Protein backbone atom coordinates (compact mmCIF):
# COMPACT_ATOMS: atom_id res chain seq x y z
CA MET A 1 2.59 -18.69 -10.28
CA LYS A 2 3.70 -15.28 -9.00
CA LYS A 3 3.03 -13.67 -5.65
CA VAL A 4 2.64 -9.90 -5.74
CA ARG A 5 2.78 -7.71 -2.65
CA ILE A 6 1.28 -4.26 -3.18
CA TYR A 7 1.70 -1.35 -0.75
CA VAL A 8 -0.59 1.68 -1.17
CA THR A 9 0.06 4.82 0.88
CA LEU A 10 -1.26 8.36 0.93
CA ARG A 11 1.02 10.89 -0.73
CA GLU A 12 3.06 12.97 1.71
CA SER A 13 1.13 16.10 0.70
CA VAL A 14 -2.24 14.53 1.67
CA LEU A 15 -3.49 14.85 5.25
CA ASP A 16 -4.05 11.52 7.02
CA PRO A 17 -6.73 12.01 9.72
CA GLN A 18 -6.84 8.28 10.47
CA GLY A 19 -3.08 8.25 11.05
CA THR A 20 -3.38 11.32 13.28
CA ALA A 21 -6.07 9.59 15.37
CA VAL A 22 -3.93 6.47 15.76
CA LYS A 23 -0.92 8.58 16.77
CA GLY A 24 -3.05 10.34 19.40
CA SER A 25 -4.25 7.00 20.76
CA LEU A 26 -0.69 5.66 20.93
CA HIS A 27 0.41 8.76 22.84
CA THR A 28 -2.53 8.29 25.23
CA MET A 29 -1.34 4.73 25.81
CA GLY A 30 2.13 6.00 26.71
CA TYR A 31 3.93 5.45 23.39
CA ASN A 32 5.17 9.03 23.16
CA GLU A 33 8.15 7.97 21.05
CA VAL A 34 5.84 7.67 18.01
CA ALA A 35 6.49 10.79 15.93
CA ASP A 36 4.03 10.15 13.08
CA VAL A 37 1.62 7.54 11.72
CA ARG A 38 0.52 7.11 8.12
CA ILE A 39 -2.19 4.56 7.32
CA GLY A 40 -2.09 2.59 4.08
CA LYS A 41 -3.23 -0.62 2.43
CA TYR A 42 -1.42 -3.92 1.90
CA LEU A 43 -2.59 -6.40 -0.72
CA GLU A 44 -1.28 -9.83 -1.73
CA LEU A 45 -2.16 -11.28 -5.11
CA GLN A 46 -1.48 -14.70 -6.61
CA ILE A 47 -1.18 -14.38 -10.38
CA ASP A 48 -1.22 -17.34 -12.74
CA PRO A 49 1.36 -17.57 -15.53
CA SER A 50 0.50 -15.41 -18.52
CA GLU A 51 2.03 -14.34 -21.81
CA ARG A 52 1.37 -10.75 -20.75
CA ASP A 53 4.06 -8.77 -18.91
CA ILE A 54 3.40 -9.15 -15.19
CA ASP A 55 4.74 -5.64 -14.42
CA GLY A 56 2.27 -4.22 -16.91
CA ILE A 57 -0.59 -6.23 -15.43
CA VAL A 58 0.17 -5.09 -11.87
CA LYS A 59 0.62 -1.43 -12.85
CA GLU A 60 -2.65 -1.51 -14.78
CA MET A 61 -4.55 -3.02 -11.84
CA CYS A 62 -3.10 -0.49 -9.42
CA GLU A 63 -3.85 2.50 -11.60
CA LYS A 64 -7.36 1.37 -12.56
CA LEU A 65 -8.63 -0.03 -9.24
CA LEU A 66 -6.29 -0.71 -6.35
CA ALA A 67 -4.88 2.80 -5.79
CA ASN A 68 -6.34 6.27 -6.20
CA THR A 69 -3.35 7.74 -7.99
CA VAL A 70 -4.55 11.30 -7.38
CA ILE A 71 -3.87 11.01 -3.64
CA GLU A 72 -2.05 7.68 -3.24
CA ASP A 73 1.29 6.20 -4.23
CA TYR A 74 1.91 2.51 -4.67
CA ARG A 75 4.82 0.13 -4.93
CA TYR A 76 4.95 -3.61 -5.40
CA GLU A 77 7.18 -6.66 -5.20
CA ILE A 78 6.92 -9.74 -7.40
CA GLU A 79 8.26 -13.15 -6.41
CA GLU A 80 7.71 -16.79 -7.22
CA ALA A 81 4.89 -18.29 -5.17
CA ASN A 82 5.58 -21.42 -3.16
């Protein structure tokens, strides 16, 4: 079995109002060292063994459902599950 960690983030060119709000709140709380905040998504998948290429499966899932590739980028890591 494989464990896949997927990170989805807004592209740099896309405004992140949620990140801006969090940054403002952190500054209000006294964390003025925070220069910028970008909000994203983190997903963990457990994938059973398959004859299909796992990279292909993960890319397909990301591009069809898990990430909006018009405004988001994604990256992933694959490892053996314990």
